[in-house]
C-alpha cells in the first residue's frame, strides 16, 4: 500500500479527475498526499511596443500565488487525509520526477491524456515522460471527463 502519494496537477479540469481516486486510495491506506503544480519559468511580460509590464520576479510571484490558491482549494477534496502542497518552476516532467524523489513518493497518480495515448502520448506528453522515467509506480487514471 502506498504511504506517500504525489499528485501532480496542471490547473486544468482534466488533471483533477484523478483527485477523488487518489483521495480514496490515500484514505484507505493511511497515506500522505503531496499536491504538486509545476509552472514554466516565467519571463518578463512586455507590451507590443516592448514596455515591461511585469518583471520575471513579479510574474513568478503572480504565478506562485495563483497556483498556491488553486492547490489549497484542491486540498479540501482530501478530507481526512494529510495533504501538503508545493509549487515548482521548470519543465513539468523532470520537476515531477525530482519531487517524487524528494518527497519519497511510493506512488505518482496522474490523469492520462485523452485519445490514442499509447500511440501518441508515449513520445512526449508529460504523463508519458513521467510514466517512462519514474523509479516509482505511476498510476495513470483515464477518467471519464
C-alpha atoms as a PDB file:
ATOM      1  CA  UNK A   1       0.000   0.000   0.000  1.00  0.00           C
ATOM      2  CA  UNK A   2       1.296   3.455  -0.907  1.00  0.00           C
ATOM      3  CA  UNK A   3       2.138   5.685   2.042  1.00  0.00           C
ATOM      4  CA  UNK A   4       3.322   8.785   0.150  1.00  0.00           C
ATOM      5  CA  UNK A   5       1.332   9.716  -2.951  1.00  0.00           C
ATOM      6  CA  UNK A   6       2.390  12.503  -5.307  1.00  0.00           C
ATOM      7  CA  UNK A   7      -0.448  14.093  -7.277  1.00  0.00           C
ATOM      8  CA  UNK A   8       0.780  16.488  -9.994  1.00  0.00           C
ATOM      9  CA  UNK A   9      -1.881  18.937 -11.201  1.00  0.00           C
ATOM     10  CA  UNK A  10      -1.652  21.367 -14.116  1.00  0.00           C
ATOM     11  CA  UNK A  11      -4.532  23.715 -13.113  1.00  0.00           C
ATOM     12  CA  UNK A  12      -6.787  22.056 -15.682  1.00  0.00           C
ATOM     13  CA  UNK A  13     -10.051  20.242 -15.106  1.00  0.00           C
ATOM     14  CA  UNK A  14      -8.849  17.051 -16.791  1.00  0.00           C
ATOM     15  CA  UNK A  15      -5.920  16.684 -14.362  1.00  0.00           C
ATOM     16  CA  UNK A  16      -8.370  16.991 -11.461  1.00  0.00           C
ATOM     17  CA  UNK A  17     -10.194  13.815 -12.489  1.00  0.00           C
ATOM     18  CA  UNK A  18      -7.623  11.799 -10.530  1.00  0.00           C
ATOM     19  CA  UNK A  19      -8.320  13.627  -7.244  1.00  0.00           C
ATOM     20  CA  UNK A  20     -11.270  11.520  -5.988  1.00  0.00           C
ATOM     21  CA  UNK A  21      -9.399   8.327  -6.847  1.00  0.00           C
ATOM     22  CA  UNK A  22      -6.163   9.498  -5.183  1.00  0.00           C
ATOM     23  CA  UNK A  23      -8.119  10.677  -2.120  1.00  0.00           C
ATOM     24  CA  UNK A  24      -9.846   7.306  -1.725  1.00  0.00           C
ATOM     25  CA  UNK A  25      -6.571   5.465  -2.199  1.00  0.00           C
ATOM     26  CA  UNK A  26      -4.835   7.660   0.384  1.00  0.00           C
ATOM     27  CA  UNK A  27      -7.668   7.406   2.882  1.00  0.00           C
ATOM     28  CA  UNK A  28      -7.900   3.620   2.653  1.00  0.00           C
ATOM     29  CA  UNK A  29      -4.140   3.187   3.011  1.00  0.00           C
ATOM     30  CA  UNK A  30      -3.410   5.903   5.564  1.00  0.00           C
ATOM     31  CA  UNK A  31      -1.194   7.738   3.081  1.00  0.00           C
ATOM     32  CA  UNK A  32       0.083  11.295   2.971  1.00  0.00           C
ATOM     33  CA  UNK A  33      -0.556  13.194  -0.262  1.00  0.00           C
ATOM     34  CA  UNK A  34       1.511  15.931  -1.824  1.00  0.00           C
ATOM     35  CA  UNK A  35      -0.197  18.037  -4.459  1.00  0.00           C
ATOM     36  CA  UNK A  36       2.260  19.490  -6.938  1.00  0.00           C
ATOM     37  CA  UNK A  37       1.968  22.111  -9.625  1.00  0.00           C
ATOM     38  CA  UNK A  38       4.863  22.829 -11.964  1.00  0.00           C
ATOM     39  CA  UNK A  39       4.779  26.185 -13.697  1.00  0.00           C
ATOM     40  CA  UNK A  40       7.130  27.161 -16.517  1.00  0.00           C
ATOM     41  CA  UNK A  41       9.877  29.577 -15.558  1.00  0.00           C
ATOM     42  CA  UNK A  42       8.346  32.998 -16.117  1.00  0.00           C
ATOM     43  CA  UNK A  43       9.733  35.725 -18.295  1.00  0.00           C
ATOM     44  CA  UNK A  44       9.076  39.429 -18.088  1.00  0.00           C
ATOM     45  CA  UNK A  45       5.756  40.428 -19.626  1.00  0.00           C
ATOM     46  CA  UNK A  46       6.117  43.124 -22.250  1.00  0.00           C
ATOM     47  CA  UNK A  47       3.702  45.043 -24.449  1.00  0.00           C
ATOM     48  CA  UNK A  48       3.871  45.111 -28.237  1.00  0.00           C
ATOM     49  CA  UNK A  49       5.929  48.274 -28.043  1.00  0.00           C
ATOM     50  CA  UNK A  50       8.401  46.476 -25.702  1.00  0.00           C
ATOM     51  CA  UNK A  51       7.434  48.169 -22.452  1.00  0.00           C
ATOM     52  CA  UNK A  52       7.883  45.930 -19.419  1.00  0.00           C
ATOM     53  CA  UNK A  53       4.536  45.329 -17.721  1.00  0.00           C
ATOM     54  CA  UNK A  54       5.853  42.867 -15.151  1.00  0.00           C
ATOM     55  CA  UNK A  55       9.360  41.704 -14.363  1.00  0.00           C
ATOM     56  CA  UNK A  56      10.148  37.996 -14.292  1.00  0.00           C
ATOM     57  CA  UNK A  57      10.179  38.131 -10.467  1.00  0.00           C
ATOM     58  CA  UNK A  58       6.761  39.800 -10.382  1.00  0.00           C
ATOM     59  CA  UNK A  59       5.412  37.246 -12.833  1.00  0.00           C
ATOM     60  CA  UNK A  60       6.838  34.434 -10.703  1.00  0.00           C
ATOM     61  CA  UNK A  61       5.104  35.833  -7.623  1.00  0.00           C
ATOM     62  CA  UNK A  62       1.812  36.075  -9.557  1.00  0.00           C
ATOM     63  CA  UNK A  63       2.073  32.502 -10.848  1.00  0.00           C
ATOM     64  CA  UNK A  64       3.051  31.217  -7.410  1.00  0.00           C
ATOM     65  CA  UNK A  65       0.054  32.910  -5.765  1.00  0.00           C
ATOM     66  CA  UNK A  66      -2.323  31.602  -8.453  1.00  0.00           C
ATOM     67  CA  UNK A  67      -1.034  28.024  -8.201  1.00  0.00           C
ATOM     68  CA  UNK A  68      -0.953  28.113  -4.398  1.00  0.00           C
ATOM     69  CA  UNK A  69      -4.604  29.245  -4.273  1.00  0.00           C
ATOM     70  CA  UNK A  70      -5.538  26.521  -6.752  1.00  0.00           C
ATOM     71  CA  UNK A  71      -3.788  23.787  -4.746  1.00  0.00           C
ATOM     72  CA  UNK A  72      -5.286  24.975  -1.434  1.00  0.00           C
ATOM     73  CA  UNK A  73      -8.764  24.655  -2.947  1.00  0.00           C
ATOM     74  CA  UNK A  74      -7.976  21.103  -4.125  1.00  0.00           C
ATOM     75  CA  UNK A  75      -6.717  20.139  -0.637  1.00  0.00           C
ATOM     76  CA  UNK A  76     -10.322  20.292   0.585  1.00  0.00           C
ATOM     77  CA  UNK A  77     -11.133  17.253  -1.576  1.00  0.00           C
ATOM     78  CA  UNK A  78      -8.831  15.096   0.560  1.00  0.00           C
ATOM     79  CA  UNK A  79     -10.945  15.148   3.702  1.00  0.00           C
ATOM     80  CA  UNK A  80      -9.323  13.126   6.474  1.00  0.00           C
ATOM     81  CA  UNK A  81      -6.030  12.739   4.576  1.00  0.00           C
ATOM     82  CA  UNK A  82      -2.801  14.590   5.424  1.00  0.00           C
ATOM     83  CA  UNK A  83      -2.124  16.842   2.420  1.00  0.00           C
ATOM     84  CA  UNK A  84       0.797  19.085   1.537  1.00  0.00           C
ATOM     85  CA  UNK A  85       1.008  21.396  -1.458  1.00  0.00           C
ATOM     86  CA  UNK A  86       4.010  22.579  -3.410  1.00  0.00           C
ATOM     87  CA  UNK A  87       4.642  24.751  -6.447  1.00  0.00           C
ATOM     88  CA  UNK A  88       7.808  24.283  -8.508  1.00  0.00           C
ATOM     89  CA  UNK A  89       9.087  26.141 -11.546  1.00  0.00           C
ATOM     90  CA  UNK A  90      10.633  24.469 -14.579  1.00  0.00           C
ATOM     91  CA  UNK A  91       9.768  21.739 -17.070  1.00  0.00           C
ATOM     92  CA  UNK A  92       6.902  19.601 -15.718  1.00  0.00           C
ATOM     93  CA  UNK A  93       8.126  16.021 -16.223  1.00  0.00           C
ATOM     94  CA  UNK A  94      11.634  16.489 -14.788  1.00  0.00           C
ATOM     95  CA  UNK A  95      10.292  18.532 -11.860  1.00  0.00           C
ATOM     96  CA  UNK A  96       7.667  15.874 -11.089  1.00  0.00           C
ATOM     97  CA  UNK A  97      10.362  13.214 -11.050  1.00  0.00           C
ATOM     98  CA  UNK A  98      12.616  15.293  -8.791  1.00  0.00           C
ATOM     99  CA  UNK A  99       9.741  15.957  -6.409  1.00  0.00           C
ATOM    100  CA  UNK A 100       8.819  12.265  -6.316  1.00  0.00           C
ATOM    101  CA  UNK A 101      12.339  11.525  -5.130  1.00  0.00           C
ATOM    102  CA  UNK A 102      12.491  14.473  -2.710  1.00  0.00           C
ATOM    103  CA  UNK A 103       9.105  13.603  -1.188  1.00  0.00           C
ATOM    104  CA  UNK A 104       9.942   9.911  -1.026  1.00  0.00           C
ATOM    105  CA  UNK A 105       6.820   9.105  -3.024  1.00  0.00           C
ATOM    106  CA  UNK A 106       5.993   5.467  -3.491  1.00  0.00           C
ATOM    107  CA  UNK A 107       3.223   6.273  -6.000  1.00  0.00           C
ATOM    108  CA  UNK A 108       2.527   9.033  -8.510  1.00  0.00           C
ATOM    109  CA  UNK A 109      -1.067   9.449  -9.671  1.00  0.00           C
ATOM    110  CA  UNK A 110      -1.891  11.384 -12.829  1.00  0.00           C
ATOM    111  CA  UNK A 111      -4.734  11.666 -15.292  1.00  0.00           C
ATOM    112  CA  UNK A 112      -3.625  10.382 -18.643  1.00  0.00           C
ATOM    113  CA  UNK A 113      -4.348  12.339 -21.824  1.00  0.00           C
ATOM    114  CA  UNK A 114      -7.430  11.637 -23.882  1.00  0.00           C
ATOM    115  CA  UNK A 115      -7.352   9.950 -27.242  1.00  0.00           C
ATOM    116  CA  UNK A 116      -4.882   7.452 -28.585  1.00  0.00           C
ATOM    117  CA  UNK A 117      -2.448   7.940 -25.742  1.00  0.00           C
ATOM    118  CA  UNK A 118      -0.427   4.790 -26.253  1.00  0.00           C
ATOM    119  CA  UNK A 119       0.285   5.705 -29.839  1.00  0.00           C
ATOM    120  CA  UNK A 120       0.640   9.478 -29.483  1.00  0.00           C
ATOM    121  CA  UNK A 121       1.390  10.082 -25.824  1.00  0.00           C
ATOM    122  CA  UNK A 122       4.326   7.788 -25.198  1.00  0.00           C
ATOM    123  CA  UNK A 123       6.503  10.010 -27.323  1.00  0.00           C
ATOM    124  CA  UNK A 124       6.391  13.284 -25.471  1.00  0.00           C
ATOM    125  CA  UNK A 125       3.487  14.171 -23.177  1.00  0.00           C
ATOM    126  CA  UNK A 126       4.191  14.929 -19.518  1.00  0.00           C
ATOM    127  CA  UNK A 127       2.317  11.871 -18.237  1.00  0.00           C
ATOM    128  CA  UNK A 128       4.118   9.668 -20.749  1.00  0.00           C
ATOM    129  CA  UNK A 129       7.529  11.036 -19.782  1.00  0.00           C
ATOM    130  CA  UNK A 130       6.828  10.533 -16.088  1.00  0.00           C
ATOM    131  CA  UNK A 131       5.468   7.041 -16.757  1.00  0.00           C
ATOM    132  CA  UNK A 132       8.590   6.036 -18.702  1.00  0.00           C
ATOM    133  CA  UNK A 133      11.194   7.626 -16.440  1.00  0.00           C
ATOM    134  CA  UNK A 134       9.822   7.228 -12.919  1.00  0.00           C
ATOM    135  CA  UNK A 135      11.563   4.968 -10.437  1.00  0.00           C
ATOM    136  CA  UNK A 136       8.292   4.546  -8.525  1.00  0.00           C
ATOM    137  CA  UNK A 137       4.954   3.219  -9.815  1.00  0.00           C
ATOM    138  CA  UNK A 138       2.842   5.668 -11.793  1.00  0.00           C
ATOM    139  CA  UNK A 139      -0.918   5.228 -11.785  1.00  0.00           C
ATOM    140  CA  UNK A 140      -2.399   6.785 -14.911  1.00  0.00           C
ATOM    141  CA  UNK A 141      -6.072   7.420 -14.371  1.00  0.00           C
ATOM    142  CA  UNK A 142      -8.119   7.503 -17.544  1.00  0.00           C
ATOM    143  CA  UNK A 143     -11.102   9.347 -16.134  1.00  0.00           C
ATOM    144  CA  UNK A 144     -14.343   9.791 -17.961  1.00  0.00           C
ATOM    145  CA  UNK A 145     -14.368  13.572 -18.293  1.00  0.00           C
END
